Amino acid sequence: MGQETSPSATVLVGSGAPNNGVSLVRGIRRLLITVGLASLISSWLITASQGRCYPETGACVDMQLSASPLLFVGFGIIVFVALGRIIDRNLDPFEASRVLARAGFVVKVTAAVAIVVAQVWFALVPMEDFALRGGAIISPFPFGSIDVEFSTEE
């Protein structure tokens, strides 16, 4: 008269094994957290400034480095491409989790490359050229953007 359960039902219920849908949602959540952290860290580390005044010309140059908005657009594209691939190909949860993991890896690598390229590139920009001749800065477009301000020495 007691309640009978089969051993397999007890194992499935008591094992705590995640549902396939739950594991997929966890993978999406992990990817979104990765994108959020990569965005915060990139915007924090892709900042720099340098300035100098040149008495011989009376010109002052001030440059500010910041993260390019296209970097964040790129992160969004990575997420949408990964989700689109999962939906369009109707992948099983195992393959879908692999796609999400790869997308997270691509976001991390992109953020790391953006930080290094933007900082190295900014450090190599010759400020003397601006004070003496003026000019334009050709930037590593998707990684960082530089604002240049000219003023006269007072």
Protein backbone atom coordinates (compact mmCIF):
# COMPACT_ATOMS: atom_id res chain seq x y z
CA MET A 1 0.00 0.00 0.00
CA GLY A 2 3.04 2.22 0.08
CA GLN A 3 4.17 4.20 -2.87
CA GLU A 4 6.43 2.23 -5.18
CA THR A 5 9.11 3.86 -7.26
CA SER A 6 11.42 2.38 -9.77
CA PRO A 7 15.17 2.70 -9.17
CA SER A 8 15.66 4.58 -12.45
CA ALA A 9 13.07 7.21 -11.53
CA THR A 10 14.73 7.72 -8.18
CA VAL A 11 18.12 8.13 -9.81
CA LEU A 12 16.85 10.68 -12.35
CA VAL A 13 14.97 12.72 -9.80
CA GLY A 14 17.59 12.53 -7.09
CA SER A 15 20.70 12.89 -9.25
CA GLY A 16 20.32 16.58 -9.84
CA ALA A 17 21.17 16.13 -13.52
CA PRO A 18 20.30 19.34 -15.33
CA ASN A 19 17.59 19.39 -17.90
CA ASN A 20 18.90 19.94 -21.44
CA GLY A 21 16.99 23.20 -21.70
CA VAL A 22 18.39 24.38 -18.39
CA SER A 23 21.96 23.63 -19.45
CA LEU A 24 21.39 25.57 -22.67
CA VAL A 25 20.06 28.57 -20.74
CA ARG A 26 23.09 28.35 -18.44
CA GLY A 27 25.36 28.43 -21.49
CA ILE A 28 23.58 31.51 -22.84
CA ARG A 29 23.80 33.16 -19.43
CA ARG A 30 27.53 32.36 -19.26
CA LEU A 31 28.05 33.89 -22.72
CA LEU A 32 26.16 37.06 -21.77
CA ILE A 33 28.17 37.40 -18.55
CA THR A 34 31.38 36.94 -20.55
CA VAL A 35 30.31 39.67 -22.98
CA GLY A 36 29.38 41.99 -20.12
CA LEU A 37 32.69 41.47 -18.32
CA ALA A 38 34.68 41.77 -21.55
CA SER A 39 32.90 45.05 -22.30
CA LEU A 40 33.58 46.46 -18.84
CA ILE A 41 37.21 45.37 -18.77
CA SER A 42 37.84 46.59 -22.32
CA SER A 43 36.31 49.98 -21.68
CA TRP A 44 38.34 50.26 -18.47
CA LEU A 45 41.68 49.20 -19.98
CA ILE A 46 41.37 50.92 -23.36
CA THR A 47 41.84 54.37 -21.89
CA ALA A 48 44.90 56.55 -21.97
CA SER A 49 45.90 60.14 -22.49
CA GLN A 50 48.98 62.06 -23.35
CA GLY A 51 49.65 65.70 -23.97
CA ARG A 52 52.49 68.03 -24.66
CA CYS A 53 53.16 71.67 -25.42
CA TYR A 54 55.84 72.78 -27.85
CA PRO A 55 57.33 76.22 -27.09
CA GLU A 56 58.87 76.59 -30.56
CA THR A 57 55.45 76.51 -32.22
CA GLY A 58 53.27 77.59 -29.29
CA ALA A 59 51.00 74.60 -29.92
CA CYS A 60 49.69 72.13 -27.38
CA VAL A 61 48.39 68.69 -28.28
CA ASP A 62 46.19 66.54 -26.04
CA MET A 63 45.19 63.01 -27.08
CA GLN A 64 42.62 60.79 -25.38
CA LEU A 65 42.24 57.07 -26.13
CA SER A 66 38.93 55.32 -25.55
CA ALA A 67 37.34 52.06 -26.62
CA SER A 68 35.67 52.17 -29.99
CA PRO A 69 31.90 51.61 -29.97
CA LEU A 70 32.44 49.14 -32.82
CA LEU A 71 34.14 46.78 -30.36
CA PHE A 72 30.89 46.48 -28.43
CA VAL A 73 28.91 46.09 -31.63
CA GLY A 74 31.29 43.25 -32.52
CA PHE A 75 30.56 41.54 -29.20
CA GLY A 76 26.84 41.77 -29.96
CA ILE A 77 27.35 40.33 -33.43
CA ILE A 78 29.25 37.38 -31.95
CA VAL A 79 26.33 36.65 -29.60
CA PHE A 80 23.69 36.91 -32.34
CA VAL A 81 25.67 34.77 -34.77
CA ALA A 82 26.10 32.06 -32.12
CA LEU A 83 22.40 32.10 -31.20
CA GLY A 84 21.40 32.18 -34.87
CA ARG A 85 23.58 29.17 -35.60
CA ILE A 86 21.97 27.25 -32.76
CA ILE A 87 18.46 28.12 -33.94
CA ASP A 88 19.02 27.73 -37.70
CA ARG A 89 20.75 24.39 -37.48
CA ASN A 90 18.48 23.09 -34.72
CA LEU A 91 21.49 21.85 -32.76
CA ASP A 92 21.20 19.40 -29.92
CA PRO A 93 22.09 20.75 -26.45
CA PHE A 94 25.62 19.31 -26.54
CA GLU A 95 26.47 20.97 -29.87
CA ALA A 96 24.70 24.16 -28.81
CA SER A 97 26.82 24.36 -25.66
CA ARG A 98 29.94 23.93 -27.78
CA VAL A 99 28.85 26.82 -30.03
CA LEU A 100 28.24 29.00 -26.98
CA ALA A 101 31.61 28.08 -25.48
CA ARG A 102 33.38 28.94 -28.75
CA ALA A 103 31.55 32.26 -28.91
CA GLY A 104 32.69 33.03 -25.37
CA PHE A 105 36.26 32.21 -26.36
CA VAL A 106 36.05 34.48 -29.41
CA VAL A 107 34.77 37.33 -27.20
CA LYS A 108 37.66 36.87 -24.75
CA VAL A 109 40.28 36.76 -27.51
CA THR A 110 38.77 39.79 -29.24
CA ALA A 111 38.79 41.78 -26.00
CA ALA A 112 42.40 40.83 -25.23
CA VAL A 113 43.58 41.69 -28.75
CA ALA A 114 41.68 44.99 -28.67
CA ILE A 115 43.29 46.01 -25.38
CA VAL A 116 46.82 45.19 -26.54
CA VAL A 117 46.49 46.67 -30.04
CA ALA A 118 44.86 49.90 -28.83
CA GLN A 119 47.43 50.51 -26.07
CA VAL A 120 50.48 49.70 -28.21
CA TRP A 121 49.15 51.72 -31.10
CA PHE A 122 48.42 54.71 -28.85
CA ALA A 123 51.91 54.57 -27.33
CA LEU A 124 53.46 54.65 -30.81
CA VAL A 125 51.56 57.70 -32.10
CA PRO A 126 54.14 60.47 -32.70
CA MET A 127 52.92 63.63 -30.97
CA GLU A 128 55.63 65.82 -32.53
CA ASP A 129 54.05 65.45 -35.96
CA PHE A 130 50.86 67.08 -34.76
CA ALA A 131 52.54 70.09 -33.19
CA LEU A 132 54.79 70.80 -36.15
CA ARG A 133 52.68 69.85 -39.17
CA GLY A 134 49.20 68.95 -37.98
CA GLY A 135 47.78 65.76 -39.38
CA ALA A 136 45.32 62.98 -38.91
CA ILE A 137 45.48 59.80 -36.90
CA ILE A 138 44.80 56.52 -38.61
CA SER A 139 43.43 54.28 -35.91
CA PRO A 140 43.08 50.55 -35.57
CA PHE A 141 39.42 51.12 -36.35
CA PRO A 142 37.49 48.50 -34.39
CA PHE A 143 39.66 48.61 -31.28
CA GLY A 144 40.19 52.17 -30.11
CA SER A 145 39.44 55.73 -31.02
CA ILE A 146 41.52 58.81 -30.30
CA ASP A 147 40.28 62.33 -29.75
CA VAL A 148 42.91 64.96 -30.52
CA GLU A 149 42.62 68.51 -29.22
CA PHE A 150 44.86 71.36 -30.34
CA SER A 151 45.32 74.54 -28.36
CA THR A 152 47.78 77.38 -28.13
CA GLU A 153 50.14 77.88 -25.26
CA GLU A 154 49.11 80.80 -23.07
